[in-house]
Protein backbone atom coordinates (compact mmCIF):
# COMPACT_ATOMS: atom_id res chain seq x y z
CA UNK A 1 161.33 143.96 160.02
CA UNK A 2 158.33 142.41 161.76
CA UNK A 3 156.07 145.24 160.58
CA UNK A 4 157.28 144.78 156.99
CA UNK A 5 156.52 141.07 157.10
CA UNK A 6 153.09 141.77 158.57
CA UNK A 7 152.31 144.33 155.86
CA UNK A 8 153.52 141.94 153.15
CA UNK A 9 151.33 139.14 154.45
CA UNK A 10 148.32 141.48 154.75
CA UNK A 11 148.68 142.58 151.11
CA UNK A 12 148.94 138.95 149.97
CA UNK A 13 145.78 138.01 151.86
CA UNK A 14 143.85 141.08 150.70
CA UNK A 15 144.73 140.52 147.04
CA UNK A 16 143.71 136.85 147.27
CA UNK A 17 140.54 137.79 149.17
CA UNK A 18 139.61 140.42 146.59
CA UNK A 19 140.00 138.01 143.67
CA UNK A 20 138.00 135.28 145.39
CA UNK A 21 135.19 137.67 146.40
CA UNK A 22 134.93 139.04 142.85
CA UNK A 23 134.66 135.51 141.48
CA UNK A 24 132.18 134.36 144.13
CA UNK A 25 129.93 137.30 143.32
CA UNK A 26 130.04 136.98 139.54
CA UNK A 27 130.77 133.24 139.23
CA UNK A 28 131.43 133.82 135.57
CA UNK A 29 134.77 132.06 135.39
CA UNK A 30 133.89 129.30 137.85
CA UNK A 31 130.62 128.39 136.14
CA UNK A 32 132.24 128.34 132.70
CA UNK A 33 135.11 126.15 133.87
CA UNK A 34 132.83 123.74 135.76
CA UNK A 35 130.49 123.33 132.77
CA UNK A 36 133.47 122.69 130.50
CA UNK A 37 134.87 120.14 132.95
CA UNK A 38 131.53 118.35 133.06
CA UNK A 39 131.40 118.27 129.26
CA UNK A 40 134.93 116.86 129.08
CA UNK A 41 134.03 114.04 131.47
CA UNK A 42 130.79 113.24 129.64
CA UNK A 43 132.56 113.19 126.26
CA UNK A 44 135.27 110.92 127.63
CA UNK A 45 132.60 108.67 129.16
CA UNK A 46 130.81 108.18 125.83
CA UNK A 47 133.84 108.22 123.53
CA UNK A 48 136.68 106.46 125.32
CA UNK A 49 135.39 104.61 128.37
CA UNK A 50 134.36 101.55 126.34
CA UNK A 51 137.64 101.51 124.39
CA UNK A 52 139.90 101.18 127.44
CA UNK A 53 139.86 98.36 129.92
CA UNK A 54 141.56 100.62 132.47
CA UNK A 55 139.03 103.32 133.36
CA UNK A 56 141.72 105.10 135.38
CA UNK A 57 143.50 106.12 132.16
CA UNK A 58 140.35 107.78 130.80
CA UNK A 59 139.53 109.43 134.13
CA UNK A 60 143.07 110.76 134.50
CA UNK A 61 142.97 112.20 130.99
CA UNK A 62 139.64 113.94 131.62
CA UNK A 63 140.88 115.31 134.95
CA UNK A 64 144.05 116.88 133.60
CA UNK A 65 142.54 118.21 130.37
CA UNK A 66 139.94 120.03 132.46
CA UNK A 67 142.73 121.15 134.79
CA UNK A 68 144.65 122.81 131.95
CA UNK A 69 141.55 124.59 130.69
CA UNK A 70 140.50 125.80 134.14
CA UNK A 71 143.95 127.06 135.01
CA UNK A 72 144.47 128.85 131.70
CA UNK A 73 140.99 130.36 131.66
CA UNK A 74 141.27 131.44 135.28
CA UNK A 75 144.59 133.30 135.02
CA UNK A 76 143.55 134.83 131.69
CA UNK A 77 140.30 136.27 133.04
CA UNK A 78 141.95 137.40 136.28
CA UNK A 79 144.54 139.41 134.36
CA UNK A 80 141.95 140.75 131.90
CA UNK A 81 139.65 142.00 134.67
CA UNK A 82 142.53 143.83 136.35
CA UNK A 83 143.47 145.45 133.05
CA UNK A 84 139.91 146.45 132.17
CA UNK A 85 139.24 148.19 135.49
CA UNK A 86 142.80 149.50 135.99
CA UNK A 87 142.86 147.35 139.10
CA UNK A 88 146.49 146.41 138.71
CA UNK A 89 147.49 150.07 138.52
CA UNK A 90 145.73 150.65 141.82
CA UNK A 91 147.44 147.67 143.42
CA UNK A 92 150.82 148.96 142.29
CA UNK A 93 150.24 152.13 144.33
CA UNK A 94 150.28 150.13 147.55
CA UNK A 95 153.59 150.85 149.38
CA UNK A 96 154.74 147.23 149.59
CA UNK A 97 156.97 144.93 147.60
CA UNK A 98 155.16 144.19 144.34
CA UNK A 99 155.87 140.51 144.66
CA UNK A 100 153.12 140.48 147.31
CA UNK A 101 150.62 141.18 144.54
CA UNK A 102 152.01 138.23 142.59
CA UNK A 103 151.78 135.91 145.60
CA UNK A 104 148.19 136.97 146.26
CA UNK A 105 147.26 136.29 142.65
CA UNK A 106 148.91 132.88 142.78
CA UNK A 107 147.01 132.00 145.97
CA UNK A 108 143.62 132.97 144.56
CA UNK A 109 144.16 131.25 141.21
CA UNK A 110 145.48 128.14 142.94
CA UNK A 111 142.30 127.97 145.01
CA UNK A 112 140.15 128.42 141.91
CA UNK A 113 141.99 125.82 139.82
CA UNK A 114 141.96 123.34 142.70
CA UNK A 115 138.20 123.78 143.15
CA UNK A 116 137.52 123.05 139.48
CA UNK A 117 139.85 120.04 139.57
CA UNK A 118 138.01 118.62 142.59
CA UNK A 119 134.66 119.06 140.83
CA UNK A 120 136.11 117.26 137.81
CA UNK A 121 137.40 114.47 140.04
CA UNK A 122 133.93 113.99 141.52
CA UNK A 123 132.47 113.89 138.00
CA UNK A 124 134.94 111.19 136.95
CA UNK A 125 133.86 109.09 139.92
CA UNK A 126 130.17 109.47 139.01
CA UNK A 127 130.27 109.24 135.21
CA UNK A 128 133.35 107.10 134.60
CA UNK A 129 133.24 104.88 137.65
CA UNK A 130 136.72 106.01 138.65
CA UNK A 131 137.62 103.94 141.73
CA UNK A 132 139.62 105.91 144.28
CA UNK A 133 140.80 104.29 147.49
CA UNK A 134 139.62 106.52 150.39
CA UNK A 135 143.03 106.15 152.03
CA UNK A 136 144.72 107.67 148.96
CA UNK A 137 142.40 110.69 148.69
CA UNK A 138 144.57 113.02 150.87
CA UNK A 139 147.63 112.30 148.72
CA UNK A 140 145.63 112.83 145.52
CA UNK A 141 144.34 116.15 146.86
CA UNK A 142 147.91 117.16 147.69
CA UNK A 143 148.98 116.40 144.12
CA UNK A 144 146.13 118.51 142.71
CA UNK A 145 147.01 121.46 144.97
CA UNK A 146 150.72 121.26 144.14
CA UNK A 147 150.01 121.01 140.42
CA UNK A 148 147.64 123.98 140.63
CA UNK A 149 150.26 125.98 142.50
CA UNK A 150 152.95 125.32 139.92
CA UNK A 151 150.59 125.95 137.02
CA UNK A 152 149.35 129.29 138.35
CA UNK A 153 152.83 130.40 139.43
CA UNK A 154 153.73 130.62 135.77
CA UNK A 155 150.22 131.37 134.53
CA UNK A 156 149.85 134.59 136.54
CA UNK A 157 153.17 135.87 135.25
CA UNK A 158 152.53 135.09 131.58
CA UNK A 159 148.92 136.32 131.72
CA UNK A 160 150.16 139.64 133.07
CA UNK A 161 152.74 139.83 130.30
CA UNK A 162 150.25 139.11 127.51
CA UNK A 163 147.21 140.96 128.82
CA UNK A 164 147.67 143.84 126.36
CA UNK A 165 148.51 141.65 123.39
CA UNK A 166 145.99 141.54 120.54
CA UNK A 167 145.85 137.74 120.47
CA UNK A 168 146.26 137.15 124.19
CA UNK A 169 143.70 134.30 124.20
CA UNK A 170 145.91 132.43 121.73
CA UNK A 171 149.28 133.65 122.98
CA UNK A 172 148.74 132.71 126.63
CA UNK A 173 148.31 128.92 126.14
CA UNK A 174 151.08 128.84 123.53
CA UNK A 175 153.53 130.28 126.04
CA UNK A 176 152.14 128.69 129.19
CA UNK A 177 151.56 125.03 128.35
CA UNK A 178 155.13 124.21 127.22
CA UNK A 179 156.51 125.68 130.45
CA UNK A 180 154.24 123.59 132.68
CA UNK A 181 154.61 120.26 130.88
CA UNK A 182 156.68 118.83 133.79
CA UNK A 183 153.87 119.80 136.18
CA UNK A 184 151.22 118.14 134.02
CA UNK A 185 153.37 115.06 133.42
CA UNK A 186 154.02 114.68 137.14
CA UNK A 187 150.30 115.12 137.85
CA UNK A 188 149.30 112.44 135.35
CA UNK A 189 151.93 109.98 136.55
CA UNK A 190 151.15 110.62 140.22
CA UNK A 191 147.44 110.09 139.60
CA UNK A 192 148.18 106.74 137.97
CA UNK A 193 150.66 105.77 140.70
CA UNK A 194 148.25 106.66 143.50
CA UNK A 195 145.32 104.74 142.01
CA UNK A 196 147.49 101.71 141.17
CA UNK A 197 149.39 101.71 144.46
CA UNK A 198 152.77 102.38 142.83
CA UNK A 199 155.68 104.40 144.35
CA UNK A 200 155.18 108.16 144.15
CA UNK A 201 158.34 109.59 145.73
CA UNK A 202 160.29 110.43 142.55
CA UNK A 203 157.39 112.13 140.74
CA UNK A 204 156.36 113.99 143.88
CA UNK A 205 159.91 115.23 144.29
CA UNK A 206 159.94 116.43 140.67
CA UNK A 207 156.65 118.27 141.19
CA UNK A 208 157.89 119.99 144.34
CA UNK A 209 161.20 121.06 142.81
CA UNK A 210 159.63 122.37 139.62
CA UNK A 211 156.94 124.21 141.60
CA UNK A 212 159.68 125.91 143.57
CA UNK A 213 161.55 126.91 140.41
CA UNK A 214 158.42 128.36 138.80
CA UNK A 215 157.38 130.24 141.92
CA UNK A 216 160.81 131.74 142.59
CA UNK A 217 161.07 132.77 138.93
CA UNK A 218 157.74 134.56 139.21
CA UNK A 219 158.81 136.30 142.41
CA UNK A 220 162.01 137.51 140.81
CA UNK A 221 160.49 138.76 137.54
CA UNK A 222 156.98 140.00 138.40
CA UNK A 223 158.14 143.52 139.26
CA UNK A 224 159.84 143.86 135.88
CA UNK A 225 156.76 142.55 134.08
CA UNK A 226 154.36 145.08 135.65
CA UNK A 227 156.76 147.93 134.90
CA UNK A 228 156.61 147.28 131.15
């Protein structure tokens, strides 16, 4: 039992490590997502910042729009690269529960999406004058990580399902975004609550519960998806 758990954990870490090393070497996805995030913040700064008295509303909108793009683009390219190089077929030959591959993918994509979200947050502070209380930064970072985890828990699964579809670039967001609306809504409301000093318990509880539902669903169905 202990050996099985150790092997499972090792596969999870190796899959996540592989994905992160590939991205760090190419930087194709990360650079594209960061540039897009910067453009979103700049457009919001010139288009909406003067129309709203509350800069936090504009900054929150820019943050979560960039978050959706980064998460969708990241899981899409991760699945496409595995399909192009037959990487997923090789991973499926590893004698371990296939859910370990799913967990590793979720870990790597969560790290990627979180990194882009943090860059976007820094851009909102610089370009939009978004005022964040230093004491609330750890809670805001926790919200970003939890939202990224829930988003990629479903994103990895759907990207794997649609990777061979002709219109996968269009099909992925159409299937993914409606499923993660509670995650995005909780993220937006928690960002506003944290910056305004409002209670966060109910929205944080919703985010945690929905993250758990999405992750357990992915664990239960990933094996069937890759056997298609």
